[in-house]
Amino acid sequence: MTPRAWLLFALSSVIWGVPYFFIKVAVDAGVPPAFVAWARVALGAVLLLPVALRRGALRGLGGRERGWPIAAYAACEIAVPFVLISVGEQYITSSLTAILIATMPLLVALLSVRFSPADKPTGLRVVGLVVGLGGVVAVLGLDVAGRPAELLGAALVLVATLGYAAAPIIVSKRLADLDPLGPVAASLMLSTIALLPAALSRPLHGIPGSAALLALVVLGVVCTALGLVVFFQLIAEAGPNRASLITYVNPLVAVAVGVVALHEHVGAATLTGLLLILVGSWLAAGGRVEQHA
């Protein structure tokens, strides 16, 4: 890869490795999870919609043929996962959140059995599924077992990850011929509208502290809008397969940030589980992955 591609790769890895830290900061400061998700989506939409309009990326998105797939993509990739992750992080650490989300390629492979038979796992990909799921068992069965609140938080994050896994299947079947910025910008707009009632149902009680406000701004501006722009540039510079490798770096960044900044404890079972999940995900994906926003 070129020096510019390496720079973009490093930026993407960091930008999409830190959101779990900032979500944790916001929810621990008392910001309602639905508001965290809505604020992030709304800021991203405000910044990306003008870019999409200038590029003409929103053309051809009207009508039922595109409308329902974009609505489904918005639900699976943005609206539902962002809320579930924010709720889940009320009970589990940002490090554990990132590790569980790293199972996304495993879930893509599992969903492919039913919804994309041509891409269903065989051979080493099945081995990868077994290895990766063993990593999940190591994390949940050894480090979280016996703590119902943490198990609930982990379950919510895994459901969110299932949504992330469904999103690329929707794209490949219905939206693959479009400029990716168009569906993403449209999905952010739809999610902003859809999440507004939930955000208003539990409004902020006063202005959040400076740390929480900074976390919300970073989530919307950096982790959503800037992250997508940088990732699109990385795809253009290095190609989609190399760009998607950041999926295997993001959890390492997230764990490091959680340990250093939040003093989160990461036990031997969790580290073993992370290693098994990453190796299993790589094998299950056949050496490639689909990247979520």
C-alpha atoms as a PDB file:
ATOM      1  CA  MET A   1       0.000   0.000   0.000  1.00  0.00           C
ATOM      2  CA  THR A   2       1.047   3.603  -0.527  1.00  0.00           C
ATOM      3  CA  PRO A   3       2.071   5.851   2.412  1.00  0.00           C
ATOM      4  CA  ARG A   4      -1.271   7.672   2.033  1.00  0.00           C
ATOM      5  CA  ALA A   5      -3.138   4.373   2.205  1.00  0.00           C
ATOM      6  CA  TRP A   6      -1.289   3.425   5.390  1.00  0.00           C
ATOM      7  CA  LEU A   7      -2.156   6.803   6.911  1.00  0.00           C
ATOM      8  CA  LEU A   8      -5.822   6.370   6.010  1.00  0.00           C
ATOM      9  CA  PHE A   9      -5.731   2.812   7.363  1.00  0.00           C
ATOM     10  CA  ALA A  10      -4.314   4.016  10.678  1.00  0.00           C
ATOM     11  CA  LEU A  11      -6.863   6.837  10.900  1.00  0.00           C
ATOM     12  CA  SER A  12      -9.775   4.488  10.174  1.00  0.00           C
ATOM     13  CA  SER A  13      -8.545   1.956  12.709  1.00  0.00           C
ATOM     14  CA  VAL A  14      -8.374   4.586  15.432  1.00  0.00           C
ATOM     15  CA  ILE A  15     -11.551   6.449  14.478  1.00  0.00           C
ATOM     16  CA  TRP A  16     -13.640   3.256  14.517  1.00  0.00           C
ATOM     17  CA  GLY A  17     -11.782   1.799  17.485  1.00  0.00           C
ATOM     18  CA  VAL A  18     -12.691   4.579  19.929  1.00  0.00           C
ATOM     19  CA  PRO A  19     -16.509   4.978  19.707  1.00  0.00           C
ATOM     20  CA  TYR A  20     -17.123   2.431  22.463  1.00  0.00           C
ATOM     21  CA  PHE A  21     -14.963   4.492  24.815  1.00  0.00           C
ATOM     22  CA  PHE A  22     -16.936   7.664  24.099  1.00  0.00           C
ATOM     23  CA  ILE A  23     -20.285   5.850  24.366  1.00  0.00           C
ATOM     24  CA  LYS A  24     -19.181   4.576  27.781  1.00  0.00           C
ATOM     25  CA  VAL A  25     -18.184   8.091  28.863  1.00  0.00           C
ATOM     26  CA  ALA A  26     -21.573   9.490  27.820  1.00  0.00           C
ATOM     27  CA  VAL A  27     -23.792   6.817  29.383  1.00  0.00           C
ATOM     28  CA  ASP A  28     -21.752   6.737  32.597  1.00  0.00           C
ATOM     29  CA  ALA A  29     -22.283  10.511  32.819  1.00  0.00           C
ATOM     30  CA  GLY A  30     -26.041   9.925  32.825  1.00  0.00           C
ATOM     31  CA  VAL A  31     -26.875  10.707  29.191  1.00  0.00           C
ATOM     32  CA  PRO A  32     -29.810   8.433  28.188  1.00  0.00           C
ATOM     33  CA  PRO A  33     -28.704   5.745  25.684  1.00  0.00           C
ATOM     34  CA  ALA A  34     -31.368   6.725  23.125  1.00  0.00           C
ATOM     35  CA  PHE A  35     -30.160  10.326  23.212  1.00  0.00           C
ATOM     36  CA  VAL A  36     -26.543   9.190  22.749  1.00  0.00           C
ATOM     37  CA  ALA A  37     -27.558   7.246  19.648  1.00  0.00           C
ATOM     38  CA  TRP A  38     -29.751  10.045  18.268  1.00  0.00           C
ATOM     39  CA  ALA A  39     -27.143  12.769  18.828  1.00  0.00           C
ATOM     40  CA  ARG A  40     -24.485  10.725  17.050  1.00  0.00           C
ATOM     41  CA  VAL A  41     -26.751   9.988  14.093  1.00  0.00           C
ATOM     42  CA  ALA A  42     -28.087  13.546  13.832  1.00  0.00           C
ATOM     43  CA  LEU A  43     -24.618  15.094  13.804  1.00  0.00           C
ATOM     44  CA  GLY A  44     -23.461  12.586  11.206  1.00  0.00           C
ATOM     45  CA  ALA A  45     -26.488  13.296   9.017  1.00  0.00           C
ATOM     46  CA  VAL A  46     -26.023  17.071   9.203  1.00  0.00           C
ATOM     47  CA  LEU A  47     -22.418  16.734   8.064  1.00  0.00           C
ATOM     48  CA  LEU A  48     -22.754  13.975   5.444  1.00  0.00           C
ATOM     49  CA  LEU A  49     -26.004  14.912   3.693  1.00  0.00           C
ATOM     50  CA  PRO A  50     -24.497  18.047   2.036  1.00  0.00           C
ATOM     51  CA  VAL A  51     -21.513  15.951   0.882  1.00  0.00           C
ATOM     52  CA  ALA A  52     -23.837  13.315  -0.579  1.00  0.00           C
ATOM     53  CA  LEU A  53     -25.906  15.999  -2.318  1.00  0.00           C
ATOM     54  CA  ARG A  54     -22.819  17.594  -3.881  1.00  0.00           C
ATOM     55  CA  ARG A  55     -21.653  14.198  -5.156  1.00  0.00           C
ATOM     56  CA  GLY A  56     -25.100  13.381  -6.497  1.00  0.00           C
ATOM     57  CA  ALA A  57     -25.038  10.219  -4.381  1.00  0.00           C
ATOM     58  CA  LEU A  58     -28.725  10.544  -3.434  1.00  0.00           C
ATOM     59  CA  ARG A  59     -30.003  10.216  -6.997  1.00  0.00           C
ATOM     60  CA  GLY A  60     -32.069   7.142  -7.664  1.00  0.00           C
ATOM     61  CA  LEU A  61     -32.842   6.403  -4.010  1.00  0.00           C
ATOM     62  CA  GLY A  62     -36.574   7.090  -4.248  1.00  0.00           C
ATOM     63  CA  GLY A  63     -39.302   4.567  -4.891  1.00  0.00           C
ATOM     64  CA  ARG A  64     -40.126   1.251  -3.292  1.00  0.00           C
ATOM     65  CA  GLU A  65     -37.322  -0.598  -5.092  1.00  0.00           C
ATOM     66  CA  ARG A  66     -34.717   1.407  -3.160  1.00  0.00           C
ATOM     67  CA  GLY A  67     -36.771   2.778  -0.274  1.00  0.00           C
ATOM     68  CA  TRP A  68     -37.414  -0.465   1.596  1.00  0.00           C
ATOM     69  CA  PRO A  69     -33.823  -1.757   1.339  1.00  0.00           C
ATOM     70  CA  ILE A  70     -32.500   1.604   2.572  1.00  0.00           C
ATOM     71  CA  ALA A  71     -34.980   1.560   5.465  1.00  0.00           C
ATOM     72  CA  ALA A  72     -33.892  -1.983   6.337  1.00  0.00           C
ATOM     73  CA  TYR A  73     -30.240  -0.979   6.075  1.00  0.00           C
ATOM     74  CA  ALA A  74     -30.856   2.041   8.327  1.00  0.00           C
ATOM     75  CA  ALA A  75     -32.511  -0.168  10.945  1.00  0.00           C
ATOM     76  CA  CYS A  76     -29.827  -2.893  10.851  1.00  0.00           C
ATOM     77  CA  GLU A  77     -26.728  -0.719  10.496  1.00  0.00           C
ATOM     78  CA  ILE A  78     -27.574   2.418  12.462  1.00  0.00           C
ATOM     79  CA  ALA A  79     -30.822   2.936  14.365  1.00  0.00           C
ATOM     80  CA  VAL A  80     -31.163  -0.349  16.249  1.00  0.00           C
ATOM     81  CA  PRO A  81     -27.461  -1.158  16.887  1.00  0.00           C
ATOM     82  CA  PHE A  82     -26.564   2.350  18.066  1.00  0.00           C
ATOM     83  CA  VAL A  83     -29.306   2.237  20.708  1.00  0.00           C
ATOM     84  CA  LEU A  84     -28.619  -1.331  21.810  1.00  0.00           C
ATOM     85  CA  ILE A  85     -24.884  -0.702  22.146  1.00  0.00           C
ATOM     86  CA  SER A  86     -25.496   2.427  24.219  1.00  0.00           C
ATOM     87  CA  VAL A  87     -27.901   0.522  26.500  1.00  0.00           C
ATOM     88  CA  GLY A  88     -25.530  -2.420  26.695  1.00  0.00           C
ATOM     89  CA  GLU A  89     -22.614  -0.240  27.754  1.00  0.00           C
ATOM     90  CA  GLN A  90     -24.543   0.704  30.881  1.00  0.00           C
ATOM     91  CA  TYR A  91     -23.731  -2.822  32.071  1.00  0.00           C
ATOM     92  CA  ILE A  92     -20.469  -3.871  30.395  1.00  0.00           C
ATOM     93  CA  THR A  93     -17.115  -2.292  29.635  1.00  0.00           C
ATOM     94  CA  SER A  94     -16.210  -0.623  26.376  1.00  0.00           C
ATOM     95  CA  SER A  95     -13.519  -3.291  25.878  1.00  0.00           C
ATOM     96  CA  LEU A  96     -15.997  -6.156  26.114  1.00  0.00           C
ATOM     97  CA  THR A  97     -18.348  -4.291  23.777  1.00  0.00           C
ATOM     98  CA  ALA A  98     -15.661  -4.045  21.098  1.00  0.00           C
ATOM     99  CA  ILE A  99     -14.699  -7.701  21.507  1.00  0.00           C
ATOM    100  CA  LEU A 100     -18.297  -8.853  21.058  1.00  0.00           C
ATOM    101  CA  ILE A 101     -18.788  -6.631  18.001  1.00  0.00           C
ATOM    102  CA  ALA A 102     -15.694  -8.280  16.511  1.00  0.00           C
ATOM    103  CA  THR A 103     -17.904 -11.362  16.041  1.00  0.00           C
ATOM    104  CA  MET A 104     -19.649  -9.610  13.143  1.00  0.00           C
ATOM    105  CA  PRO A 105     -17.902 -11.635  10.390  1.00  0.00           C
ATOM    106  CA  LEU A 106     -18.933 -14.837  12.194  1.00  0.00           C
ATOM    107  CA  LEU A 107     -22.558 -13.732  12.171  1.00  0.00           C
ATOM    108  CA  VAL A 108     -22.323 -12.723   8.503  1.00  0.00           C
ATOM    109  CA  ALA A 109     -21.193 -16.276   7.732  1.00  0.00           C
ATOM    110  CA  LEU A 110     -24.058 -17.746   9.761  1.00  0.00           C
ATOM    111  CA  LEU A 111     -26.659 -15.519   8.116  1.00  0.00           C
ATOM    112  CA  SER A 112     -25.283 -16.419   4.693  1.00  0.00           C
ATOM    113  CA  VAL A 113     -26.432 -20.004   5.214  1.00  0.00           C
ATOM    114  CA  ARG A 114     -30.045 -18.799   5.067  1.00  0.00           C
ATOM    115  CA  PHE A 115     -29.990 -15.553   3.104  1.00  0.00           C
ATOM    116  CA  SER A 116     -27.005 -15.900   0.760  1.00  0.00           C
ATOM    117  CA  PRO A 117     -26.589 -19.620  -0.045  1.00  0.00           C
ATOM    118  CA  ALA A 118     -23.974 -18.932  -2.710  1.00  0.00           C
ATOM    119  CA  ASP A 119     -21.711 -17.512   0.006  1.00  0.00           C
ATOM    120  CA  LYS A 120     -22.453 -20.039   2.762  1.00  0.00           C
ATOM    121  CA  PRO A 121     -19.392 -21.203   4.717  1.00  0.00           C
ATOM    122  CA  THR A 122     -17.648 -24.463   3.841  1.00  0.00           C
ATOM    123  CA  GLY A 123     -14.299 -26.019   4.695  1.00  0.00           C
ATOM    124  CA  LEU A 124     -12.022 -23.698   6.632  1.00  0.00           C
ATOM    125  CA  ARG A 125     -14.828 -21.178   6.965  1.00  0.00           C
ATOM    126  CA  VAL A 126     -16.785 -23.685   9.057  1.00  0.00           C
ATOM    127  CA  VAL A 127     -13.671 -24.233  11.175  1.00  0.00           C
ATOM    128  CA  GLY A 128     -13.512 -20.463  11.623  1.00  0.00           C
ATOM    129  CA  LEU A 129     -17.094 -20.407  12.864  1.00  0.00           C
ATOM    130  CA  VAL A 130     -16.327 -23.053  15.473  1.00  0.00           C
ATOM    131  CA  VAL A 131     -13.151 -21.294  16.598  1.00  0.00           C
ATOM    132  CA  GLY A 132     -14.822 -17.880  16.771  1.00  0.00           C
ATOM    133  CA  LEU A 133     -17.857 -19.123  18.640  1.00  0.00           C
ATOM    134  CA  GLY A 134     -15.480 -20.835  21.056  1.00  0.00           C
ATOM    135  CA  GLY A 135     -14.027 -17.383  21.690  1.00  0.00           C
ATOM    136  CA  VAL A 136     -17.493 -16.039  22.502  1.00  0.00           C
ATOM    137  CA  VAL A 137     -17.994 -18.906  24.951  1.00  0.00           C
ATOM    138  CA  ALA A 138     -14.640 -18.109  26.571  1.00  0.00           C
ATOM    139  CA  VAL A 139     -15.598 -14.464  27.023  1.00  0.00           C
ATOM    140  CA  LEU A 140     -19.165 -14.953  28.218  1.00  0.00           C
ATOM    141  CA  GLY A 141     -18.800 -18.306  29.961  1.00  0.00           C
ATOM    142  CA  LEU A 142     -15.701 -17.482  31.967  1.00  0.00           C
ATOM    143  CA  ASP A 143     -15.480 -13.711  32.428  1.00  0.00           C
ATOM    144  CA  VAL A 144     -19.171 -12.740  32.506  1.00  0.00           C
ATOM    145  CA  ALA A 145     -20.974 -15.870  33.735  1.00  0.00           C
ATOM    146  CA  GLY A 146     -22.857 -15.423  36.993  1.00  0.00           C
ATOM    147  CA  ARG A 147     -23.385 -11.685  36.567  1.00  0.00           C
ATOM    148  CA  PRO A 148     -26.898 -11.218  35.116  1.00  0.00           C
ATOM    149  CA  ALA A 149     -26.567  -7.490  34.430  1.00  0.00           C
ATOM    150  CA  GLU A 150     -23.389  -7.987  32.421  1.00  0.00           C
ATOM    151  CA  LEU A 151     -24.912 -10.921  30.563  1.00  0.00           C
ATOM    152  CA  LEU A 152     -27.848  -8.676  29.623  1.00  0.00           C
ATOM    153  CA  GLY A 153     -25.493  -5.979  28.351  1.00  0.00           C
ATOM    154  CA  ALA A 154     -23.503  -8.540  26.363  1.00  0.00           C
ATOM    155  CA  ALA A 155     -26.697  -9.982  24.871  1.00  0.00           C
ATOM    156  CA  LEU A 156     -27.824  -6.518  23.730  1.00  0.00           C
ATOM    157  CA  VAL A 157     -24.462  -5.893  22.061  1.00  0.00           C
ATOM    158  CA  LEU A 158     -24.598  -9.272  20.318  1.00  0.00           C
ATOM    159  CA  VAL A 159     -28.084  -8.461  18.979  1.00  0.00           C
ATOM    160  CA  ALA A 160     -26.682  -5.151  17.714  1.00  0.00           C
ATOM    161  CA  THR A 161     -23.851  -7.074  16.047  1.00  0.00           C
ATOM    162  CA  LEU A 162     -26.427  -9.327  14.372  1.00  0.00           C
ATOM    163  CA  GLY A 163     -27.871  -6.162  12.836  1.00  0.00           C
ATOM    164  CA  TYR A 164     -24.403  -5.148  11.636  1.00  0.00           C
ATOM    165  CA  ALA A 165     -24.048  -8.609  10.074  1.00  0.00           C
ATOM    166  CA  ALA A 166     -27.375  -8.329   8.237  1.00  0.00           C
ATOM    167  CA  ALA A 167     -26.536  -4.906   6.771  1.00  0.00           C
ATOM    168  CA  PRO A 168     -23.898  -6.029   4.214  1.00  0.00           C
ATOM    169  CA  ILE A 169     -26.237  -8.767   2.975  1.00  0.00           C
ATOM    170  CA  ILE A 170     -28.889  -6.098   2.325  1.00  0.00           C
ATOM    171  CA  VAL A 171     -26.311  -3.990   0.503  1.00  0.00           C
ATOM    172  CA  SER A 172     -25.039  -6.878  -1.623  1.00  0.00           C
ATOM    173  CA  LYS A 173     -28.552  -7.881  -2.694  1.00  0.00           C
ATOM    174  CA  ARG A 174     -30.247  -4.496  -3.163  1.00  0.00           C
ATOM    175  CA  LEU A 175     -27.821  -1.554  -2.990  1.00  0.00           C
ATOM    176  CA  ALA A 176     -24.478  -2.749  -4.352  1.00  0.00           C
ATOM    177  CA  ASP A 177     -24.752  -0.731  -7.588  1.00  0.00           C
ATOM    178  CA  LEU A 178     -24.999   2.628  -5.771  1.00  0.00           C
ATOM    179  CA  ASP A 179     -22.424   5.093  -4.506  1.00  0.00           C
ATOM    180  CA  PRO A 180     -22.154   3.870  -0.875  1.00  0.00           C
ATOM    181  CA  LEU A 181     -22.276   7.416   0.461  1.00  0.00           C
ATOM    182  CA  GLY A 182     -25.866   7.757  -0.798  1.00  0.00           C
ATOM    183  CA  PRO A 183     -27.458   4.910   1.187  1.00  0.00           C
ATOM    184  CA  VAL A 184     -25.375   5.786   4.248  1.00  0.00           C
ATOM    185  CA  ALA A 185     -26.394   9.462   4.205  1.00  0.00           C
ATOM    186  CA  ALA A 186     -30.044   8.563   3.547  1.00  0.00           C
ATOM    187  CA  SER A 187     -29.934   5.985   6.356  1.00  0.00           C
ATOM    188  CA  LEU A 188     -28.507   8.533   8.780  1.00  0.00           C
ATOM    189  CA  MET A 189     -31.355  10.914   7.898  1.00  0.00           C
ATOM    190  CA  LEU A 190     -33.997   8.192   8.344  1.00  0.00           C
ATOM    191  CA  SER A 191     -32.429   7.070  11.622  1.00  0.00           C
ATOM    192  CA  THR A 192     -32.369  10.639  12.917  1.00  0.00           C
ATOM    193  CA  ILE A 193     -36.130  10.868  12.360  1.00  0.00           C
ATOM    194  CA  ALA A 194     -36.836   7.364  13.687  1.00  0.00           C
ATOM    195  CA  LEU A 195     -34.815   7.828  16.884  1.00  0.00           C
ATOM    196  CA  LEU A 196     -36.169  11.287  17.720  1.00  0.00           C
ATOM    197  CA  PRO A 197     -39.249  10.010  19.652  1.00  0.00           C
ATOM    198  CA  ALA A 198     -37.042   7.694  21.733  1.00  0.00           C
ATOM    199  CA  ALA A 199     -34.633  10.537  22.440  1.00  0.00           C
ATOM    200  CA  LEU A 200     -37.492  12.842  23.465  1.00  0.00           C
ATOM    201  CA  SER A 201     -39.082  10.164  25.671  1.00  0.00           C
ATOM    202  CA  ARG A 202     -36.099  10.398  28.002  1.00  0.00           C
ATOM    203  CA  PRO A 203     -34.771  13.924  27.518  1.00  0.00           C
ATOM    204  CA  LEU A 204     -31.651  15.313  29.092  1.00  0.00           C
ATOM    205  CA  HIS A 205     -32.059  16.716  32.599  1.00  0.00           C
ATOM    206  CA  GLY A 206     -29.925  19.777  32.252  1.00  0.00           C
ATOM    207  CA  ILE A 207     -26.813  20.260  30.169  1.00  0.00           C
ATOM    208  CA  PRO A 208     -24.405  17.302  30.360  1.00  0.00           C
ATOM    209  CA  GLY A 209     -20.921  17.828  31.712  1.00  0.00           C
ATOM    210  CA  SER A 210     -18.077  18.798  29.446  1.00  0.00           C
ATOM    211  CA  ALA A 211     -16.807  15.202  29.149  1.00  0.00           C
ATOM    212  CA  ALA A 212     -20.229  13.916  28.035  1.00  0.00           C
ATOM    213  CA  LEU A 213     -20.707  16.791  25.575  1.00  0.00           C
ATOM    214  CA  LEU A 214     -17.265  16.173  24.094  1.00  0.00           C
ATOM    215  CA  ALA A 215     -18.082  12.462  23.808  1.00  0.00           C
ATOM    216  CA  LEU A 216     -21.309  13.189  21.885  1.00  0.00           C
ATOM    217  CA  VAL A 217     -19.540  15.583  19.513  1.00  0.00           C
ATOM    218  CA  VAL A 218     -16.710  13.131  18.849  1.00  0.00           C
ATOM    219  CA  LEU A 219     -19.175  10.297  18.237  1.00  0.00           C
ATOM    220  CA  GLY A 220     -21.117  12.310  15.674  1.00  0.00           C
ATOM    221  CA  VAL A 221     -18.399  14.326  13.982  1.00  0.00           C
ATOM    222  CA  VAL A 222     -15.369  12.029  14.159  1.00  0.00           C
ATOM    223  CA  CYS A 223     -16.618   8.462  14.632  1.00  0.00           C
ATOM    224  CA  THR A 224     -19.536   8.779  12.201  1.00  0.00           C
ATOM    225  CA  ALA A 225     -19.102  11.537   9.609  1.00  0.00           C
ATOM    226  CA  LEU A 226     -15.298  11.756   9.419  1.00  0.00           C
ATOM    227  CA  GLY A 227     -14.954   8.001   9.870  1.00  0.00           C
ATOM    228  CA  LEU A 228     -17.083   7.280   6.819  1.00  0.00           C
ATOM    229  CA  VAL A 229     -15.309   9.870   4.665  1.00  0.00           C
ATOM    230  CA  VAL A 230     -11.878   8.515   5.631  1.00  0.00           C
ATOM    231  CA  PHE A 231     -12.998   4.931   5.035  1.00  0.00           C
ATOM    232  CA  PHE A 232     -14.342   5.781   1.561  1.00  0.00           C
ATOM    233  CA  GLN A 233     -10.990   7.388   0.752  1.00  0.00           C
ATOM    234  CA  LEU A 234      -9.174   4.300   2.046  1.00  0.00           C
ATOM    235  CA  ILE A 235     -11.285   2.080  -0.229  1.00  0.00           C
ATOM    236  CA  ALA A 236     -10.412   4.289  -3.197  1.00  0.00           C
ATOM    237  CA  GLU A 237      -6.704   4.235  -2.308  1.00  0.00           C
ATOM    238  CA  ALA A 238      -6.200   0.614  -1.232  1.00  0.00           C
ATOM    239  CA  GLY A 239      -9.265  -1.292  -2.447  1.00  0.00           C
ATOM    240  CA  PRO A 240     -12.138  -2.763  -0.424  1.00  0.00           C
ATOM    241  CA  ASN A 241     -10.394  -5.980   0.661  1.00  0.00           C
ATOM    242  CA  ARG A 242      -7.382  -4.268   2.206  1.00  0.00           C
ATOM    243  CA  ALA A 243      -9.560  -1.509   3.650  1.00  0.00           C
ATOM    244  CA  SER A 244     -11.782  -4.054   5.394  1.00  0.00           C
ATOM    245  CA  LEU A 245      -8.811  -5.363   7.390  1.00  0.00           C
ATOM    246  CA  ILE A 246      -9.389  -2.549   9.893  1.00  0.00           C
ATOM    247  CA  THR A 247     -12.124  -4.792  11.337  1.00  0.00           C
ATOM    248  CA  TYR A 248      -9.327  -6.835  12.925  1.00  0.00           C
ATOM    249  CA  VAL A 249      -7.514  -3.794  14.292  1.00  0.00           C
ATOM    250  CA  ASN A 250     -10.516  -1.901  15.729  1.00  0.00           C
ATOM    251  CA  PRO A 251     -11.049  -4.265  18.710  1.00  0.00           C
ATOM    252  CA  LEU A 252      -7.370  -4.052  19.667  1.00  0.00           C
ATOM    253  CA  VAL A 253      -7.565  -0.251  19.636  1.00  0.00           C
ATOM    254  CA  ALA A 254     -10.793  -0.321  21.673  1.00  0.00           C
ATOM    255  CA  VAL A 255      -9.368  -2.686  24.295  1.00  0.00           C
ATOM    256  CA  ALA A 256      -6.191  -0.608  24.622  1.00  0.00           C
ATOM    257  CA  VAL A 257      -8.178   2.623  25.033  1.00  0.00           C
ATOM    258  CA  GLY A 258     -10.518   1.032  27.585  1.00  0.00           C
ATOM    259  CA  VAL A 259      -7.637  -0.294  29.664  1.00  0.00           C
ATOM    260  CA  VAL A 260      -5.550   2.888  29.540  1.00  0.00           C
ATOM    261  CA  ALA A 261      -8.256   5.575  29.730  1.00  0.00           C
ATOM    262  CA  LEU A 262     -10.964   3.850  31.767  1.00  0.00           C
ATOM    263  CA  HIS A 263      -8.794   1.390  33.710  1.00  0.00           C
ATOM    264  CA  GLU A 264     -10.976  -1.488  32.559  1.00  0.00           C
ATOM    265  CA  HIS A 265      -9.843  -4.947  33.606  1.00  0.00           C
ATOM    266  CA  VAL A 266      -9.286  -7.425  30.791  1.00  0.00           C
ATOM    267  CA  GLY A 267      -8.796 -10.956  32.103  1.00  0.00           C
ATOM    268  CA  ALA A 268      -6.928 -13.846  30.535  1.00  0.00           C
ATOM    269  CA  ALA A 269     -10.190 -15.452  29.420  1.00  0.00           C
ATOM    270  CA  THR A 270     -11.240 -12.249  27.649  1.00  0.00           C
ATOM    271  CA  LEU A 271      -7.906 -11.926  25.838  1.00  0.00           C
ATOM    272  CA  THR A 272      -8.060 -15.593  24.840  1.00  0.00           C
ATOM    273  CA  GLY A 273     -11.609 -15.088  23.640  1.00  0.00           C
ATOM    274  CA  LEU A 274     -10.592 -12.028  21.625  1.00  0.00           C
ATOM    275  CA  LEU A 275      -7.802 -13.964  19.920  1.00  0.00           C
ATOM    276  CA  LEU A 276     -10.145 -16.852  19.082  1.00  0.00           C
ATOM    277  CA  ILE A 277     -12.808 -14.449  17.789  1.00  0.00           C
ATOM    278  CA  LEU A 278     -10.358 -12.623  15.528  1.00  0.00           C
ATOM    279  CA  VAL A 279      -8.827 -15.824  14.144  1.00  0.00           C
ATOM    280  CA  GLY A 280     -12.240 -17.419  13.724  1.00  0.00           C
ATOM    281  CA  SER A 281     -13.643 -14.306  12.057  1.00  0.00           C
ATOM    282  CA  TRP A 282     -10.763 -14.241   9.602  1.00  0.00           C
ATOM    283  CA  LEU A 283     -11.261 -17.881   8.664  1.00  0.00           C
ATOM    284  CA  ALA A 284     -15.072 -17.617   8.573  1.00  0.00           C
ATOM    285  CA  ALA A 285     -14.839 -14.613   6.279  1.00  0.00           C
ATOM    286  CA  GLY A 286     -12.498 -16.426   3.919  1.00  0.00           C
ATOM    287  CA  GLY A 287      -9.872 -13.751   4.387  1.00  0.00           C
ATOM    288  CA  ARG A 288     -12.266 -10.868   3.768  1.00  0.00           C
ATOM    289  CA  VAL A 289     -14.909  -9.016   5.775  1.00  0.00           C
ATOM    290  CA  GLU A 290     -17.731  -6.555   5.322  1.00  0.00           C
ATOM    291  CA  GLN A 291     -17.191  -3.325   7.231  1.00  0.00           C
ATOM    292  CA  HIS A 292     -20.021  -1.682   9.165  1.00  0.00           C
ATOM    293  CA  ALA A 293     -20.437   2.030   9.582  1.00  0.00           C
END
